């Protein structure tokens, strides 16, 4: 299962961790993992294209951790959109992704 953990401070996103594997299908064929990767990568790349200092991220074998350094509205809106998309995916595949 993919576990997405969201940390907020004063209603602002501060950290998002995306860890694990969905186990929907074999590695390389898993549509849930592909969707999560696409949502997260597109969001991170979009934010960094606007402001390279707004966040940092760490990719490991376990997953990805995003640290949000900026409280600007664009970064916060885009992270919020990413979280919303992940929650929609969770509704469709509750056995494969958990967002908390």
C-alpha atoms as a PDB file:
ATOM      1  CA  UNK A   1       0.000   0.000   0.000  1.00  0.00           C
ATOM      2  CA  UNK A   2       1.124   3.541  -0.752  1.00  0.00           C
ATOM      3  CA  UNK A   3       0.943   5.717   2.339  1.00  0.00           C
ATOM      4  CA  UNK A   4       0.741   9.463   1.841  1.00  0.00           C
ATOM      5  CA  UNK A   5       1.331  11.509   4.980  1.00  0.00           C
ATOM      6  CA  UNK A   6       0.590  15.227   4.954  1.00  0.00           C
ATOM      7  CA  UNK A   7       1.983  17.582   7.568  1.00  0.00           C
ATOM      8  CA  UNK A   8       0.480  21.039   8.002  1.00  0.00           C
ATOM      9  CA  UNK A   9       1.256  23.969  10.252  1.00  0.00           C
ATOM     10  CA  UNK A  10      -1.238  26.809  10.632  1.00  0.00           C
ATOM     11  CA  UNK A  11      -3.244  25.462   7.672  1.00  0.00           C
ATOM     12  CA  UNK A  12      -0.137  25.557   5.446  1.00  0.00           C
ATOM     13  CA  UNK A  13       1.382  22.451   3.876  1.00  0.00           C
ATOM     14  CA  UNK A  14       4.855  21.775   5.265  1.00  0.00           C
ATOM     15  CA  UNK A  15       5.720  18.192   4.280  1.00  0.00           C
ATOM     16  CA  UNK A  16       4.299  15.390   2.163  1.00  0.00           C
ATOM     17  CA  UNK A  17       5.664  11.844   2.309  1.00  0.00           C
ATOM     18  CA  UNK A  18       4.730   9.263  -0.311  1.00  0.00           C
ATOM     19  CA  UNK A  19       6.005   5.831   0.689  1.00  0.00           C
ATOM     20  CA  UNK A  20       5.466   2.250  -0.397  1.00  0.00           C
ATOM     21  CA  UNK A  21       4.062   0.352  -3.356  1.00  0.00           C
ATOM     22  CA  UNK A  22       0.376   0.064  -4.237  1.00  0.00           C
ATOM     23  CA  UNK A  23       0.522  -3.710  -4.868  1.00  0.00           C
ATOM     24  CA  UNK A  24      -2.279  -3.356  -7.422  1.00  0.00           C
ATOM     25  CA  UNK A  25      -0.157  -5.208  -9.996  1.00  0.00           C
ATOM     26  CA  UNK A  26       3.459  -6.199 -10.642  1.00  0.00           C
ATOM     27  CA  UNK A  27       6.173  -3.539 -10.650  1.00  0.00           C
ATOM     28  CA  UNK A  28       6.109  -1.758 -13.989  1.00  0.00           C
ATOM     29  CA  UNK A  29       2.445  -2.641 -14.571  1.00  0.00           C
ATOM     30  CA  UNK A  30       0.851  -1.030 -11.521  1.00  0.00           C
ATOM     31  CA  UNK A  31      -1.594   1.672 -12.624  1.00  0.00           C
ATOM     32  CA  UNK A  32      -2.035   3.034  -9.096  1.00  0.00           C
ATOM     33  CA  UNK A  33       1.713   3.528  -8.671  1.00  0.00           C
ATOM     34  CA  UNK A  34       1.874   5.100 -12.121  1.00  0.00           C
ATOM     35  CA  UNK A  35      -0.935   7.515 -11.247  1.00  0.00           C
ATOM     36  CA  UNK A  36       0.673   8.508  -7.945  1.00  0.00           C
ATOM     37  CA  UNK A  37       4.065   8.992  -9.604  1.00  0.00           C
ATOM     38  CA  UNK A  38       2.524  11.114 -12.333  1.00  0.00           C
ATOM     39  CA  UNK A  39       0.538  13.303  -9.928  1.00  0.00           C
ATOM     40  CA  UNK A  40       3.473  13.898  -7.578  1.00  0.00           C
ATOM     41  CA  UNK A  41       6.162  14.358 -10.237  1.00  0.00           C
ATOM     42  CA  UNK A  42       4.061  16.761 -12.300  1.00  0.00           C
ATOM     43  CA  UNK A  43       3.245  18.831  -9.218  1.00  0.00           C
ATOM     44  CA  UNK A  44       6.850  19.006  -7.985  1.00  0.00           C
ATOM     45  CA  UNK A  45       8.202  19.863 -11.441  1.00  0.00           C
ATOM     46  CA  UNK A  46       5.537  22.541 -11.943  1.00  0.00           C
ATOM     47  CA  UNK A  47       6.295  24.205  -8.625  1.00  0.00           C
ATOM     48  CA  UNK A  48      10.053  24.089  -9.213  1.00  0.00           C
ATOM     49  CA  UNK A  49       9.585  25.617 -12.679  1.00  0.00           C
ATOM     50  CA  UNK A  50       7.948  28.615 -10.986  1.00  0.00           C
ATOM     51  CA  UNK A  51      10.281  28.906  -7.995  1.00  0.00           C
ATOM     52  CA  UNK A  52      13.268  26.616  -7.433  1.00  0.00           C
ATOM     53  CA  UNK A  53      13.474  27.655  -3.762  1.00  0.00           C
ATOM     54  CA  UNK A  54       9.848  26.838  -2.865  1.00  0.00           C
ATOM     55  CA  UNK A  55      10.420  23.186  -1.989  1.00  0.00           C
ATOM     56  CA  UNK A  56      12.968  20.425  -1.719  1.00  0.00           C
ATOM     57  CA  UNK A  57      12.507  16.713  -2.137  1.00  0.00           C
ATOM     58  CA  UNK A  58      14.277  13.487  -1.352  1.00  0.00           C
ATOM     59  CA  UNK A  59      13.776  10.332  -3.396  1.00  0.00           C
ATOM     60  CA  UNK A  60      14.710   6.958  -1.900  1.00  0.00           C
ATOM     61  CA  UNK A  61      13.924   3.310  -2.550  1.00  0.00           C
ATOM     62  CA  UNK A  62      10.998   3.677  -0.137  1.00  0.00           C
ATOM     63  CA  UNK A  63       9.426   6.684  -1.868  1.00  0.00           C
ATOM     64  CA  UNK A  64       9.582  10.457  -1.818  1.00  0.00           C
ATOM     65  CA  UNK A  65       9.479  13.170   0.814  1.00  0.00           C
ATOM     66  CA  UNK A  66       8.644  16.729  -0.191  1.00  0.00           C
ATOM     67  CA  UNK A  67       9.465  19.599   2.151  1.00  0.00           C
ATOM     68  CA  UNK A  68       7.546  22.783   1.350  1.00  0.00           C
ATOM     69  CA  UNK A  69       9.666  25.822   2.127  1.00  0.00           C
ATOM     70  CA  UNK A  70       7.345  28.509   0.779  1.00  0.00           C
ATOM     71  CA  UNK A  71       4.022  29.754   2.094  1.00  0.00           C
ATOM     72  CA  UNK A  72       3.217  31.554  -1.166  1.00  0.00           C
ATOM     73  CA  UNK A  73      -0.278  30.968  -2.483  1.00  0.00           C
ATOM     74  CA  UNK A  74       0.772  29.338  -5.771  1.00  0.00           C
ATOM     75  CA  UNK A  75       2.872  26.662  -4.061  1.00  0.00           C
ATOM     76  CA  UNK A  76       0.181  26.026  -1.456  1.00  0.00           C
ATOM     77  CA  UNK A  77      -2.569  25.790  -4.105  1.00  0.00           C
ATOM     78  CA  UNK A  78      -0.567  23.358  -6.231  1.00  0.00           C
ATOM     79  CA  UNK A  79       0.282  21.145  -3.248  1.00  0.00           C
ATOM     80  CA  UNK A  80      -3.391  21.271  -2.224  1.00  0.00           C
ATOM     81  CA  UNK A  81      -4.384  20.200  -5.722  1.00  0.00           C
ATOM     82  CA  UNK A  82      -1.920  17.308  -5.565  1.00  0.00           C
ATOM     83  CA  UNK A  83      -3.383  16.182  -2.238  1.00  0.00           C
ATOM     84  CA  UNK A  84      -6.921  16.402  -3.659  1.00  0.00           C
ATOM     85  CA  UNK A  85      -5.947  14.253  -6.642  1.00  0.00           C
ATOM     86  CA  UNK A  86      -4.337  11.672  -4.355  1.00  0.00           C
ATOM     87  CA  UNK A  87      -7.486  11.595  -2.185  1.00  0.00           C
ATOM     88  CA  UNK A  88      -9.615  11.001  -5.304  1.00  0.00           C
ATOM     89  CA  UNK A  89      -7.331   8.110  -6.216  1.00  0.00           C
ATOM     90  CA  UNK A  90      -7.713   6.783  -2.671  1.00  0.00           C
ATOM     91  CA  UNK A  91     -11.513   6.700  -3.130  1.00  0.00           C
ATOM     92  CA  UNK A  92     -11.108   4.546  -6.231  1.00  0.00           C
ATOM     93  CA  UNK A  93      -8.386   2.264  -4.844  1.00  0.00           C
ATOM     94  CA  UNK A  94      -8.759   2.205  -1.026  1.00  0.00           C
ATOM     95  CA  UNK A  95      -6.846  -1.067  -0.716  1.00  0.00           C
ATOM     96  CA  UNK A  96      -3.835   0.417  -2.509  1.00  0.00           C
ATOM     97  CA  UNK A  97      -3.391   4.003  -1.306  1.00  0.00           C
ATOM     98  CA  UNK A  98      -4.009   5.750   2.006  1.00  0.00           C
ATOM     99  CA  UNK A  99      -3.857   9.532   2.419  1.00  0.00           C
ATOM    100  CA  UNK A 100      -3.679  10.930   5.931  1.00  0.00           C
END
